């Protein structure tokens, strides 16, 4: 069983690495959202099963993805107010996750999960459309 589990985990890691290597910058943000949401789901499951170590690891992982991935990717080249608001929202999320981790409570995890789902949906909605083949050749 352990060998099969190890093989599955290694296969999953190869799949993730392939997804990242082939992703556009826009798709990389979606992958960050997916990773943070998955970590929060794992943390919520750990709380339900009173697994404090997994809860701490998963919550910390979500915090790092938000702070070092999503927040770091915010560009100030466009609307400065939008960038500031998004950074403030990410700071709020990290703060709520810190509370969840410190107290071992589920409500902040659910709150941040909903916020991430909404942001992910909005991000997916603005996915750049590929150029038609005739325009791509001229560019």
C-alpha atoms as a PDB file:
ATOM      1  CA  UNK A   1       0.000   0.000   0.000  1.00  0.00           C
ATOM      2  CA  UNK A   2       2.766   2.432   0.920  1.00  0.00           C
ATOM      3  CA  UNK A   3       4.567   1.808  -2.391  1.00  0.00           C
ATOM      4  CA  UNK A   4       1.354   2.359  -4.364  1.00  0.00           C
ATOM      5  CA  UNK A   5       0.675   5.589  -2.473  1.00  0.00           C
ATOM      6  CA  UNK A   6       4.217   6.807  -3.100  1.00  0.00           C
ATOM      7  CA  UNK A   7       3.870   6.044  -6.812  1.00  0.00           C
ATOM      8  CA  UNK A   8       0.571   7.910  -6.992  1.00  0.00           C
ATOM      9  CA  UNK A   9       2.083  10.941  -5.248  1.00  0.00           C
ATOM     10  CA  UNK A  10       5.077  10.929  -7.599  1.00  0.00           C
ATOM     11  CA  UNK A  11       2.775  10.678 -10.636  1.00  0.00           C
ATOM     12  CA  UNK A  12       0.692  13.572  -9.298  1.00  0.00           C
ATOM     13  CA  UNK A  13       3.829  15.692  -8.869  1.00  0.00           C
ATOM     14  CA  UNK A  14       4.862  15.022 -12.477  1.00  0.00           C
ATOM     15  CA  UNK A  15       1.380  16.045 -13.633  1.00  0.00           C
ATOM     16  CA  UNK A  16       1.537  19.292 -11.654  1.00  0.00           C
ATOM     17  CA  UNK A  17       5.020  20.094 -12.963  1.00  0.00           C
ATOM     18  CA  UNK A  18       3.830  19.479 -16.518  1.00  0.00           C
ATOM     19  CA  UNK A  19       0.790  21.730 -16.002  1.00  0.00           C
ATOM     20  CA  UNK A  20       2.990  24.525 -14.668  1.00  0.00           C
ATOM     21  CA  UNK A  21       5.577  24.194 -17.432  1.00  0.00           C
ATOM     22  CA  UNK A  22       2.920  24.394 -20.153  1.00  0.00           C
ATOM     23  CA  UNK A  23       0.745  27.093 -18.552  1.00  0.00           C
ATOM     24  CA  UNK A  24       0.426  30.682 -19.684  1.00  0.00           C
ATOM     25  CA  UNK A  25       0.900  33.390 -17.036  1.00  0.00           C
ATOM     26  CA  UNK A  26      -2.891  33.655 -16.801  1.00  0.00           C
ATOM     27  CA  UNK A  27      -3.232  29.902 -16.289  1.00  0.00           C
ATOM     28  CA  UNK A  28      -0.527  29.969 -13.604  1.00  0.00           C
ATOM     29  CA  UNK A  29      -2.735  32.262 -11.516  1.00  0.00           C
ATOM     30  CA  UNK A  30      -5.603  29.787 -11.899  1.00  0.00           C
ATOM     31  CA  UNK A  31      -3.265  27.034 -10.689  1.00  0.00           C
ATOM     32  CA  UNK A  32      -2.370  29.159  -7.650  1.00  0.00           C
ATOM     33  CA  UNK A  33      -6.066  29.629  -6.863  1.00  0.00           C
ATOM     34  CA  UNK A  34      -6.608  25.884  -7.273  1.00  0.00           C
ATOM     35  CA  UNK A  35      -3.705  25.085  -4.957  1.00  0.00           C
ATOM     36  CA  UNK A  36      -4.877  27.471  -2.235  1.00  0.00           C
ATOM     37  CA  UNK A  37      -8.459  26.195  -2.456  1.00  0.00           C
ATOM     38  CA  UNK A  38      -7.285  22.576  -2.278  1.00  0.00           C
ATOM     39  CA  UNK A  39      -5.129  23.356   0.762  1.00  0.00           C
ATOM     40  CA  UNK A  40      -8.110  24.974   2.498  1.00  0.00           C
ATOM     41  CA  UNK A  41     -10.276  21.958   1.762  1.00  0.00           C
ATOM     42  CA  UNK A  42      -7.581  19.748   3.265  1.00  0.00           C
ATOM     43  CA  UNK A  43      -7.394  21.988   6.346  1.00  0.00           C
ATOM     44  CA  UNK A  44     -11.178  21.898   6.790  1.00  0.00           C
ATOM     45  CA  UNK A  45     -11.133  18.114   6.498  1.00  0.00           C
ATOM     46  CA  UNK A  46      -8.345  17.966   9.079  1.00  0.00           C
ATOM     47  CA  UNK A  47     -10.376  20.071  11.523  1.00  0.00           C
ATOM     48  CA  UNK A  48     -13.352  17.746  11.082  1.00  0.00           C
ATOM     49  CA  UNK A  49     -11.093  14.780  11.888  1.00  0.00           C
ATOM     50  CA  UNK A  50      -9.168  16.557  14.681  1.00  0.00           C
ATOM     51  CA  UNK A  51      -5.852  16.252  12.837  1.00  0.00           C
ATOM     52  CA  UNK A  52      -3.997  19.322  14.098  1.00  0.00           C
ATOM     53  CA  UNK A  53      -0.729  18.640  12.259  1.00  0.00           C
ATOM     54  CA  UNK A  54      -2.412  18.375   8.854  1.00  0.00           C
ATOM     55  CA  UNK A  55      -4.566  21.425   9.650  1.00  0.00           C
ATOM     56  CA  UNK A  56      -1.476  23.504  10.435  1.00  0.00           C
ATOM     57  CA  UNK A  57       0.437  22.314   7.351  1.00  0.00           C
ATOM     58  CA  UNK A  58      -2.485  22.823   4.966  1.00  0.00           C
ATOM     59  CA  UNK A  59      -3.434  26.227   6.370  1.00  0.00           C
ATOM     60  CA  UNK A  60       0.188  27.377   6.224  1.00  0.00           C
ATOM     61  CA  UNK A  61       0.403  26.178   2.628  1.00  0.00           C
ATOM     62  CA  UNK A  62      -2.687  28.200   1.694  1.00  0.00           C
ATOM     63  CA  UNK A  63      -1.240  31.259   3.436  1.00  0.00           C
ATOM     64  CA  UNK A  64       2.016  30.938   1.485  1.00  0.00           C
ATOM     65  CA  UNK A  65       0.222  30.510  -1.848  1.00  0.00           C
ATOM     66  CA  UNK A  66      -1.865  33.616  -1.190  1.00  0.00           C
ATOM     67  CA  UNK A  67       0.989  35.751   0.151  1.00  0.00           C
ATOM     68  CA  UNK A  68       3.925  34.586  -1.958  1.00  0.00           C
ATOM     69  CA  UNK A  69       2.016  33.611  -5.093  1.00  0.00           C
ATOM     70  CA  UNK A  70      -1.235  35.471  -5.632  1.00  0.00           C
ATOM     71  CA  UNK A  71      -0.305  38.673  -3.812  1.00  0.00           C
ATOM     72  CA  UNK A  72       3.146  38.755  -5.371  1.00  0.00           C
ATOM     73  CA  UNK A  73       1.547  38.474  -8.823  1.00  0.00           C
ATOM     74  CA  UNK A  74      -0.585  41.597  -8.398  1.00  0.00           C
ATOM     75  CA  UNK A  75       0.531  44.124 -10.969  1.00  0.00           C
ATOM     76  CA  UNK A  76       0.465  47.843 -10.297  1.00  0.00           C
ATOM     77  CA  UNK A  77       0.829  48.691 -13.988  1.00  0.00           C
ATOM     78  CA  UNK A  78      -2.930  49.054 -14.418  1.00  0.00           C
ATOM     79  CA  UNK A  79      -5.406  50.528 -11.972  1.00  0.00           C
ATOM     80  CA  UNK A  80      -3.464  51.373  -8.793  1.00  0.00           C
ATOM     81  CA  UNK A  81      -6.619  51.387  -6.664  1.00  0.00           C
ATOM     82  CA  UNK A  82      -7.566  47.921  -7.888  1.00  0.00           C
ATOM     83  CA  UNK A  83      -4.089  46.609  -7.070  1.00  0.00           C
ATOM     84  CA  UNK A  84      -4.239  48.178  -3.591  1.00  0.00           C
ATOM     85  CA  UNK A  85      -7.687  46.703  -2.926  1.00  0.00           C
ATOM     86  CA  UNK A  86      -6.620  43.266  -4.102  1.00  0.00           C
ATOM     87  CA  UNK A  87      -3.489  43.403  -1.931  1.00  0.00           C
ATOM     88  CA  UNK A  88      -5.643  44.424   1.047  1.00  0.00           C
ATOM     89  CA  UNK A  89      -8.002  41.517   0.363  1.00  0.00           C
ATOM     90  CA  UNK A  90      -5.080  39.081   0.212  1.00  0.00           C
ATOM     91  CA  UNK A  91      -3.747  40.525   3.497  1.00  0.00           C
ATOM     92  CA  UNK A  92      -7.199  40.030   5.043  1.00  0.00           C
ATOM     93  CA  UNK A  93      -7.255  36.414   3.856  1.00  0.00           C
ATOM     94  CA  UNK A  94      -3.821  35.677   5.304  1.00  0.00           C
ATOM     95  CA  UNK A  95      -4.879  37.273   8.600  1.00  0.00           C
ATOM     96  CA  UNK A  96      -8.043  35.165   8.747  1.00  0.00           C
ATOM     97  CA  UNK A  97      -6.045  32.025   7.994  1.00  0.00           C
ATOM     98  CA  UNK A  98      -3.614  32.932  10.763  1.00  0.00           C
ATOM     99  CA  UNK A  99      -6.588  33.123  13.145  1.00  0.00           C
ATOM    100  CA  UNK A 100      -7.906  29.787  11.904  1.00  0.00           C
ATOM    101  CA  UNK A 101      -4.519  28.192  12.384  1.00  0.00           C
ATOM    102  CA  UNK A 102      -3.946  29.650  15.847  1.00  0.00           C
ATOM    103  CA  UNK A 103      -7.398  28.762  17.162  1.00  0.00           C
ATOM    104  CA  UNK A 104      -8.071  25.594  15.195  1.00  0.00           C
ATOM    105  CA  UNK A 105     -11.400  26.912  13.911  1.00  0.00           C
ATOM    106  CA  UNK A 106     -13.118  26.258  10.613  1.00  0.00           C
ATOM    107  CA  UNK A 107     -15.130  29.451   9.929  1.00  0.00           C
ATOM    108  CA  UNK A 108     -12.201  31.554   8.642  1.00  0.00           C
ATOM    109  CA  UNK A 109     -11.177  28.692   6.349  1.00  0.00           C
ATOM    110  CA  UNK A 110     -14.664  28.641   4.848  1.00  0.00           C
ATOM    111  CA  UNK A 111     -14.683  32.440   4.478  1.00  0.00           C
ATOM    112  CA  UNK A 112     -11.336  32.540   2.690  1.00  0.00           C
ATOM    113  CA  UNK A 113     -12.312  29.560   0.544  1.00  0.00           C
ATOM    114  CA  UNK A 114     -15.413  31.417  -0.671  1.00  0.00           C
ATOM    115  CA  UNK A 115     -13.389  34.533  -1.426  1.00  0.00           C
ATOM    116  CA  UNK A 116     -10.836  32.524  -3.380  1.00  0.00           C
ATOM    117  CA  UNK A 117     -13.582  30.733  -5.339  1.00  0.00           C
ATOM    118  CA  UNK A 118     -15.108  34.101  -6.299  1.00  0.00           C
ATOM    119  CA  UNK A 119     -11.755  35.550  -7.349  1.00  0.00           C
ATOM    120  CA  UNK A 120     -10.923  32.394  -9.295  1.00  0.00           C
ATOM    121  CA  UNK A 121     -14.249  32.569 -11.144  1.00  0.00           C
ATOM    122  CA  UNK A 122     -13.654  36.207 -12.038  1.00  0.00           C
ATOM    123  CA  UNK A 123     -10.106  35.434 -13.176  1.00  0.00           C
ATOM    124  CA  UNK A 124     -11.280  32.555 -15.356  1.00  0.00           C
ATOM    125  CA  UNK A 125     -13.974  34.830 -16.855  1.00  0.00           C
ATOM    126  CA  UNK A 126     -11.303  37.210 -18.135  1.00  0.00           C
ATOM    127  CA  UNK A 127      -9.135  34.518 -19.685  1.00  0.00           C
ATOM    128  CA  UNK A 128      -7.501  35.975 -22.796  1.00  0.00           C
ATOM    129  CA  UNK A 129      -8.834  34.478 -25.989  1.00  0.00           C
ATOM    130  CA  UNK A 130      -6.268  33.014 -28.362  1.00  0.00           C
ATOM    131  CA  UNK A 131      -5.788  34.866 -31.614  1.00  0.00           C
ATOM    132  CA  UNK A 132      -7.407  33.323 -34.678  1.00  0.00           C
ATOM    133  CA  UNK A 133      -4.835  31.327 -36.639  1.00  0.00           C
ATOM    134  CA  UNK A 134      -4.643  33.907 -39.438  1.00  0.00           C
ATOM    135  CA  UNK A 135      -3.836  36.751 -36.987  1.00  0.00           C
ATOM    136  CA  UNK A 136      -1.371  34.661 -35.012  1.00  0.00           C
ATOM    137  CA  UNK A 137       0.687  33.979 -38.151  1.00  0.00           C
ATOM    138  CA  UNK A 138       0.922  37.716 -38.991  1.00  0.00           C
ATOM    139  CA  UNK A 139       1.946  38.683 -35.454  1.00  0.00           C
END
